[in-house]
Protein backbone atom coordinates (compact mmCIF):
# COMPACT_ATOMS: atom_id res chain seq x y z
CA UNK A 1 122.63 114.43 119.45
CA UNK A 2 119.45 113.51 117.53
CA UNK A 3 116.77 111.66 119.46
CA UNK A 4 114.61 110.77 116.45
CA UNK A 5 116.35 108.80 113.72
CA UNK A 6 114.32 108.72 110.51
CA UNK A 7 114.98 105.78 108.18
CA UNK A 8 113.37 107.10 105.00
CA UNK A 9 112.82 104.23 102.58
CA UNK A 10 111.54 104.03 99.01
CA UNK A 11 110.63 100.92 97.07
CA UNK A 12 111.10 100.60 93.31
CA UNK A 13 109.51 97.89 91.17
CA UNK A 14 108.21 97.25 87.67
CA UNK A 15 106.89 93.85 86.54
CA UNK A 16 108.63 91.96 83.70
CA UNK A 17 108.93 93.92 80.42
CA UNK A 18 106.70 96.68 81.76
CA UNK A 19 109.08 99.53 80.94
CA UNK A 20 109.32 98.53 77.27
CA UNK A 21 105.57 98.05 77.14
CA UNK A 22 104.84 101.49 78.60
CA UNK A 23 107.35 103.14 76.28
CA UNK A 24 105.50 101.61 73.33
CA UNK A 25 101.96 102.58 74.39
CA UNK A 26 102.35 105.67 76.59
CA UNK A 27 105.80 107.19 76.37
CA UNK A 28 105.00 110.18 78.60
CA UNK A 29 103.79 107.96 81.43
CA UNK A 30 106.86 105.77 81.02
CA UNK A 31 109.15 108.80 81.23
CA UNK A 32 107.37 110.09 84.34
CA UNK A 33 108.02 106.72 85.99
CA UNK A 34 111.64 106.51 84.86
CA UNK A 35 112.36 109.99 86.20
CA UNK A 36 111.36 108.64 89.61
CA UNK A 37 114.50 106.48 89.39
CA UNK A 38 116.81 109.26 88.20
CA UNK A 39 115.49 112.21 90.24
CA UNK A 40 116.65 111.07 93.71
CA UNK A 41 120.23 110.92 92.47
CA UNK A 42 120.37 114.71 92.17
CA UNK A 43 119.37 115.09 95.79
CA UNK A 44 121.57 112.34 97.24
CA UNK A 45 124.87 113.02 95.50
CA UNK A 46 127.42 115.15 97.36
CA UNK A 47 125.52 115.19 100.63
CA UNK A 48 125.30 113.11 103.80
CA UNK A 49 121.50 112.74 104.08
CA UNK A 50 120.80 109.00 104.19
CA UNK A 51 118.08 107.15 102.30
CA UNK A 52 117.17 103.45 102.20
CA UNK A 53 116.06 101.77 98.96
CA UNK A 54 114.62 98.44 97.91
CA UNK A 55 114.70 97.65 94.18
CA UNK A 56 113.19 94.50 92.71
CA UNK A 57 115.52 92.33 90.66
CA UNK A 58 113.21 92.39 87.67
CA UNK A 59 113.38 96.20 87.69
CA UNK A 60 117.18 96.20 88.02
CA UNK A 61 117.29 93.91 85.01
CA UNK A 62 115.16 96.30 82.95
CA UNK A 63 117.15 99.38 83.98
CA UNK A 64 120.36 97.64 82.92
CA UNK A 65 119.05 96.83 79.46
CA UNK A 66 116.74 99.68 78.42
CA UNK A 67 118.02 102.79 76.64
CA UNK A 68 115.64 105.74 76.70
CA UNK A 69 116.10 109.07 74.92
CA UNK A 70 114.87 112.02 76.92
CA UNK A 71 116.42 111.14 80.28
CA UNK A 72 119.32 113.10 81.70
CA UNK A 73 121.30 109.94 82.37
CA UNK A 74 121.48 106.34 81.18
CA UNK A 75 119.55 104.09 83.55
CA UNK A 76 122.34 101.57 84.00
CA UNK A 77 124.65 104.45 84.99
CA UNK A 78 122.08 105.62 87.55
CA UNK A 79 122.12 102.17 89.17
CA UNK A 80 125.92 102.17 89.37
CA UNK A 81 125.87 105.61 90.96
CA UNK A 82 123.38 104.53 93.61
CA UNK A 83 125.67 101.60 94.37
CA UNK A 84 128.60 103.98 94.88
CA UNK A 85 126.84 106.42 97.22
CA UNK A 86 127.72 105.91 100.92
CA UNK A 87 124.45 107.53 102.02
CA UNK A 88 122.22 105.08 100.10
CA UNK A 89 121.48 101.75 101.78
CA UNK A 90 119.99 99.18 99.41
CA UNK A 91 117.95 96.27 100.75
CA UNK A 92 117.61 92.89 99.09
CA UNK A 93 114.21 91.62 98.01
CA UNK A 94 112.63 88.91 95.86
CA UNK A 95 113.77 89.00 92.23
CA UNK A 96 110.31 88.76 90.64
CA UNK A 97 108.57 90.53 93.54
CA UNK A 98 106.42 87.71 94.96
CA UNK A 99 104.28 87.87 98.09
CA UNK A 100 106.46 85.37 99.95
CA UNK A 101 103.87 83.98 102.41
CA UNK A 102 101.61 83.05 99.47
CA UNK A 103 104.13 81.06 97.41
CA UNK A 104 105.78 77.68 98.12
CA UNK A 105 108.72 77.81 100.53
CA UNK A 106 110.84 75.94 97.98
CA UNK A 107 110.66 79.03 95.76
CA UNK A 108 111.77 81.57 98.38
CA UNK A 109 115.49 81.00 98.04
CA UNK A 110 115.52 81.02 94.20
CA UNK A 111 113.89 84.47 94.22
CA UNK A 112 116.38 85.83 96.74
CA UNK A 113 119.44 84.17 95.19
CA UNK A 114 118.66 85.63 91.78
CA UNK A 115 118.34 89.10 93.30
CA UNK A 116 121.63 88.75 95.19
CA UNK A 117 123.57 87.65 92.10
CA UNK A 118 122.32 90.52 89.97
CA UNK A 119 122.72 93.13 92.72
CA UNK A 120 126.31 92.06 93.35
CA UNK A 121 126.98 92.46 89.63
CA UNK A 122 125.76 96.05 89.83
CA UNK A 123 127.87 96.68 92.93
CA UNK A 124 125.18 96.88 95.61
CA UNK A 125 126.09 95.93 99.17
CA UNK A 126 123.25 94.95 101.47
CA UNK A 127 122.51 93.80 105.01
CA UNK A 128 118.74 93.94 105.14
CA UNK A 129 115.73 92.46 103.40
CA UNK A 130 112.56 94.10 102.12
CA UNK A 131 109.72 91.58 101.58
CA UNK A 132 107.70 92.62 98.50
CA UNK A 133 104.33 94.12 99.48
CA UNK A 134 105.72 93.83 103.04
CA UNK A 135 104.39 90.27 102.92
CA UNK A 136 106.10 88.53 105.83
CA UNK A 137 105.73 85.39 107.88
CA UNK A 138 107.98 84.20 110.70
CA UNK A 139 108.72 81.00 108.77
CA UNK A 140 110.89 83.13 106.47
CA UNK A 141 113.36 83.80 109.28
CA UNK A 142 115.50 80.63 108.89
CA UNK A 143 115.96 81.32 105.16
CA UNK A 144 116.83 84.98 105.71
CA UNK A 145 119.20 84.10 108.53
CA UNK A 146 120.88 81.38 106.47
CA UNK A 147 121.45 83.92 103.69
CA UNK A 148 123.18 86.24 106.20
CA UNK A 149 120.62 89.05 106.31
CA UNK A 150 120.92 91.09 109.49
CA UNK A 151 117.43 92.58 109.49
CA UNK A 152 114.05 92.54 107.75
CA UNK A 153 111.50 95.36 107.48
CA UNK A 154 107.97 94.37 108.53
CA UNK A 155 104.64 96.14 108.88
CA UNK A 156 104.73 97.53 112.41
CA UNK A 157 101.02 96.71 112.90
CA UNK A 158 101.85 93.02 113.16
CA UNK A 159 104.49 93.18 115.89
CA UNK A 160 103.34 91.69 119.20
CA UNK A 161 104.96 91.57 122.62
CA UNK A 162 106.62 95.00 122.77
CA UNK A 163 105.98 98.10 124.84
CA UNK A 164 104.19 101.32 123.83
CA UNK A 165 107.34 102.58 122.12
CA UNK A 166 107.75 99.34 120.15
CA UNK A 167 106.83 101.04 116.89
CA UNK A 168 110.04 103.07 117.20
CA UNK A 169 112.52 100.35 118.21
CA UNK A 170 114.18 97.42 116.45
CA UNK A 171 113.37 93.97 117.86
CA UNK A 172 114.53 90.37 117.57
CA UNK A 173 112.23 87.67 116.18
CA UNK A 174 113.04 83.96 116.37
CA UNK A 175 111.69 80.97 114.51
CA UNK A 176 112.88 77.37 114.61
CA UNK A 177 116.18 78.33 116.23
CA UNK A 178 117.01 81.14 113.78
CA UNK A 179 116.93 84.85 114.63
CA UNK A 180 116.72 88.13 112.77
CA UNK A 181 116.26 91.79 113.69
CA UNK A 182 112.86 93.14 112.66
CA UNK A 183 112.38 96.80 111.75
CA UNK A 184 108.81 98.13 112.14
CA UNK A 185 107.63 100.22 109.22
CA UNK A 186 105.41 103.06 110.41
CA UNK A 187 102.26 103.03 108.30
CA UNK A 188 100.91 106.42 109.36
CA UNK A 189 104.03 108.44 108.59
CA UNK A 190 104.66 106.44 105.40
CA UNK A 191 101.22 107.33 104.07
CA UNK A 192 101.68 110.99 105.02
CA UNK A 193 104.93 111.20 103.06
CA UNK A 194 103.53 109.35 100.04
CA UNK A 195 100.42 111.53 99.98
CA UNK A 196 102.19 114.88 100.16
CA UNK A 197 103.11 117.14 103.08
CA UNK A 198 105.40 120.10 103.69
CA UNK A 199 108.61 119.50 105.62
CA UNK A 200 107.77 121.73 108.60
CA UNK A 201 104.45 119.96 109.20
CA UNK A 202 106.12 116.56 109.00
CA UNK A 203 108.80 117.53 111.52
CA UNK A 204 106.11 118.84 113.87
CA UNK A 205 104.11 115.60 113.54
CA UNK A 206 107.20 113.44 114.20
CA UNK A 207 108.06 115.32 117.36
CA UNK A 208 104.50 115.36 118.63
CA UNK A 209 103.97 111.63 118.10
CA UNK A 210 107.23 110.60 119.82
CA UNK A 211 107.41 113.20 122.59
CA UNK A 212 106.35 110.80 125.36
CA UNK A 213 109.12 108.28 124.63
CA UNK A 214 112.72 108.31 125.86
CA UNK A 215 116.00 107.30 124.27
CA UNK A 216 116.95 106.97 120.63
CA UNK A 217 113.93 106.27 118.44
CA UNK A 218 113.82 104.80 114.93
CA UNK A 219 110.99 106.03 112.72
CA UNK A 220 110.94 103.89 109.58
CA UNK A 221 108.87 105.08 106.63
CA UNK A 222 108.58 103.28 103.30
CA UNK A 223 106.44 103.77 100.21
CA UNK A 224 106.43 103.02 96.50
CA UNK A 225 108.88 105.37 94.87
CA UNK A 226 107.13 105.67 91.50
CA UNK A 227 103.39 105.63 92.21
CA UNK A 228 101.10 108.62 92.63
CA UNK A 229 101.08 112.20 91.34
CA UNK A 230 103.04 113.55 94.33
CA UNK A 231 105.82 111.04 93.70
CA UNK A 232 105.89 111.23 89.91
CA UNK A 233 105.59 114.99 89.84
CA UNK A 234 102.90 117.64 89.45
CA UNK A 235 103.09 121.26 88.23
CA UNK A 236 103.44 122.30 91.87
CA UNK A 237 106.27 119.87 92.63
CA UNK A 238 107.09 116.36 93.79
CA UNK A 239 108.42 114.50 96.79
CA UNK A 240 112.11 114.93 96.04
CA UNK A 241 112.17 118.52 94.80
CA UNK A 242 109.47 119.92 97.08
CA UNK A 243 109.68 117.90 100.29
CA UNK A 244 113.10 116.28 100.51
CA UNK A 245 115.17 119.41 99.84
CA UNK A 246 113.26 121.41 102.45
CA UNK A 247 113.33 118.52 104.90
CA UNK A 248 117.10 118.13 104.72
CA UNK A 249 117.56 121.88 105.20
CA UNK A 250 115.28 121.86 108.24
CA UNK A 251 117.11 118.92 109.81
CA UNK A 252 120.46 120.64 109.38
CA UNK A 253 119.22 123.28 111.80
CA UNK A 254 117.36 120.87 114.09
CA UNK A 255 119.50 118.66 116.30
CA UNK A 256 116.57 116.51 117.37
CA UNK A 257 115.98 114.61 114.10
CA UNK A 258 118.41 112.98 111.67
CA UNK A 259 118.04 110.90 108.53
CA UNK A 260 119.72 107.52 108.94
CA UNK A 261 120.38 104.24 107.24
CA UNK A 262 118.97 101.27 109.11
CA UNK A 263 122.39 99.64 109.46
CA UNK A 264 123.86 102.81 110.98
CA UNK A 265 121.11 102.98 113.59
CA UNK A 266 121.50 99.30 114.49
CA UNK A 267 125.23 99.64 115.04
CA UNK A 268 124.60 102.15 117.83
CA UNK A 269 121.21 100.86 119.00
CA UNK A 270 120.96 97.05 118.82
CA UNK A 271 117.59 95.46 119.60
CA UNK A 272 116.92 94.60 123.23
CA UNK A 273 113.64 92.66 123.23
CA UNK A 274 112.05 89.68 121.51
CA UNK A 275 108.75 89.85 119.70
CA UNK A 276 106.31 87.87 117.63
CA UNK A 277 105.32 89.07 114.16
CA UNK A 278 101.93 88.06 112.78
CA UNK A 279 101.73 87.02 109.16
CA UNK A 280 100.49 89.74 106.82
CA UNK A 281 101.24 92.36 104.18
CA UNK A 282 100.89 96.12 104.03
CA UNK A 283 97.57 97.82 103.55
CA UNK A 284 96.44 98.42 99.95
CA UNK A 285 93.49 100.60 99.00
CA UNK A 286 90.64 99.40 101.25
CA UNK A 287 92.24 96.00 101.94
CA UNK A 288 93.81 95.59 105.36
CA UNK A 289 96.67 93.31 104.29
CA UNK A 290 96.43 90.78 107.10
CA UNK A 291 94.54 88.25 104.98
CA UNK A 292 96.22 89.13 101.65
CA UNK A 293 92.83 90.07 100.21
CA UNK A 294 94.41 92.21 97.48
CA UNK A 295 96.11 89.15 95.99
CA UNK A 296 93.87 86.20 96.90
CA UNK A 297 90.54 87.73 97.87
CA UNK A 298 88.81 86.51 94.70
CA UNK A 299 88.17 82.92 93.69
CA UNK A 300 89.93 83.55 90.36
CA UNK A 301 93.06 84.68 92.20
CA UNK A 302 93.00 81.64 94.47
CA UNK A 303 92.63 79.29 91.50
CA UNK A 304 95.62 80.88 89.78
CA UNK A 305 97.69 80.59 92.96
CA UNK A 306 96.71 76.93 93.32
CA UNK A 307 98.06 76.32 89.81
CA UNK A 308 101.31 77.99 90.83
CA UNK A 309 101.64 75.59 93.74
CA UNK A 310 100.91 72.60 91.49
CA UNK A 311 103.57 73.69 89.00
CA UNK A 312 106.10 74.24 91.77
CA UNK A 313 105.47 70.76 93.18
CA UNK A 314 105.82 69.17 89.74
CA UNK A 315 109.11 70.97 89.17
CA UNK A 316 110.38 69.77 92.53
CA UNK A 317 109.39 66.15 91.83
CA UNK A 318 111.00 66.05 88.39
CA UNK A 319 114.17 67.69 89.68
CA UNK A 320 114.38 65.07 92.44
CA UNK A 321 113.88 62.23 89.95
CA UNK A 322 116.58 63.24 87.48
CA UNK A 323 119.11 64.47 90.06
CA UNK A 324 122.37 65.61 88.46
CA UNK A 325 121.56 64.00 85.17
CA UNK A 326 121.86 65.19 81.58
CA UNK A 327 123.01 68.81 81.31
CA UNK A 328 120.34 69.67 78.74
CA UNK A 329 117.71 68.62 81.30
CA UNK A 330 119.32 70.90 83.87
CA UNK A 331 119.05 73.82 81.46
CA UNK A 332 115.40 73.05 80.73
CA UNK A 333 114.67 72.86 84.45
CA UNK A 334 116.32 76.22 84.97
CA UNK A 335 114.16 77.78 82.27
CA UNK A 336 111.04 76.16 83.75
CA UNK A 337 111.92 77.57 87.16
CA UNK A 338 112.40 81.04 85.67
CA UNK A 339 108.88 81.01 84.23
CA UNK A 340 107.51 79.68 87.52
CA UNK A 341 109.08 82.57 89.43
CA UNK A 342 107.78 85.08 86.87
CA UNK A 343 104.28 83.68 87.35
CA UNK A 344 104.58 84.56 91.05
CA UNK A 345 105.05 88.30 90.43
CA UNK A 346 102.71 90.06 92.87
CA UNK A 347 101.34 92.38 90.15
CA UNK A 348 99.86 89.38 88.32
CA UNK A 349 97.56 88.84 91.30
CA UNK A 350 97.23 92.44 92.48
CA UNK A 351 95.48 93.63 89.31
CA UNK A 352 93.00 90.75 89.37
CA UNK A 353 91.43 89.74 86.04
CA UNK A 354 93.41 92.37 84.12
CA UNK A 355 96.68 90.52 84.84
CA UNK A 356 95.81 86.99 85.96
CA UNK A 357 96.25 85.74 82.40
CA UNK A 358 99.98 86.39 82.83
CA UNK A 359 100.10 83.70 85.51
CA UNK A 360 98.67 81.10 83.16
CA UNK A 361 100.87 82.20 80.25
CA UNK A 362 103.97 81.64 82.37
CA UNK A 363 102.68 78.33 83.70
CA UNK A 364 102.07 77.07 80.16
CA UNK A 365 105.77 77.62 79.53
CA UNK A 366 106.62 75.84 82.78
CA UNK A 367 104.62 72.82 81.61
CA UNK A 368 106.22 72.95 78.16
CA UNK A 369 109.76 72.79 79.54
CA UNK A 370 108.92 70.20 82.18
CA UNK A 371 107.34 67.99 79.52
CA UNK A 372 110.54 68.27 77.47
CA UNK A 373 112.60 67.30 80.51
CA UNK A 374 110.31 64.35 81.23
CA UNK A 375 110.65 63.16 77.63
CA UNK A 376 114.45 63.48 77.59
CA UNK A 377 114.77 61.71 80.93
CA UNK A 378 112.33 58.95 80.00
CA UNK A 379 109.84 59.96 82.66
CA UNK A 380 106.09 59.67 82.35
CA UNK A 381 104.51 63.08 81.74
CA UNK A 382 102.25 64.50 84.42
């Protein structure tokens, strides 16, 4: 029986319209990214090796609608095939990929609900939640619990109140009477896999790091599935062709390690302790993640985020005033909300002044539609 259970996770995301944009300005780069979505399928079909995936709703939407010559398979077919594979566990996430702790709580459920509706249309089944950028706060627990998620992946650095082996166990976190299982993502092993390593060295490192612990251990790794030369592919290989194939072969002859889906591990190894999880996100470049410096470290980013909060509050007030009124107002409000959620895309803040204009462009459209609602409903603008 395996002692080390490796939940290998990859995260896929592209901001709104980015695939079409890249195809128009740099087709080769676009194709190298799109192959990151098709390549895993070759290695996961007709085998038992389990992989966990999180896919943003805005990316799912693009893959369903974009046709690209030069790929071995239509992208919408690839999505359907992932949904049909028993060894692929898909996790829910926010539709437009927001950093949840930074946006208004009123907007959390709209992001998640949109993702759920689209994912169900594709055929995905899901039990867990992946917070974009691993941005998590305990105040999210009641919403996630209400929406029937069994577990959430968090940055293991922020878990408090567990023993020395806590990085390799699931835990329970509670907030305001609601509970959820938290899965610690291992930063060190995630970075090793994303940066490039041979399978034998990785197996050796896993065993060495966990040798002092007893019982069944869960090592959860997660990284962006389309970023970096090692992931996209180099002349000497890529993660899936060079590492994954060798890794699976090694594990078939090694009874001490097995690839697993998170749900499978939890069925046999439910959490036994309760922990606290500090608010934070994963590490990016030189930014630690705990204070969200990548997204709000600059005054310009904070100003843009403040405008997002103002727009969200205005939408909430107008919606409360008109209630279940004229249907045309309801449609306008829905469109306004869509632009508000698009403004919250993490990439808009991540890339600083190169992308912050996208926040304001979306918020202009929010104001436009809210002004139209106010006029139709006889409300004073503002």
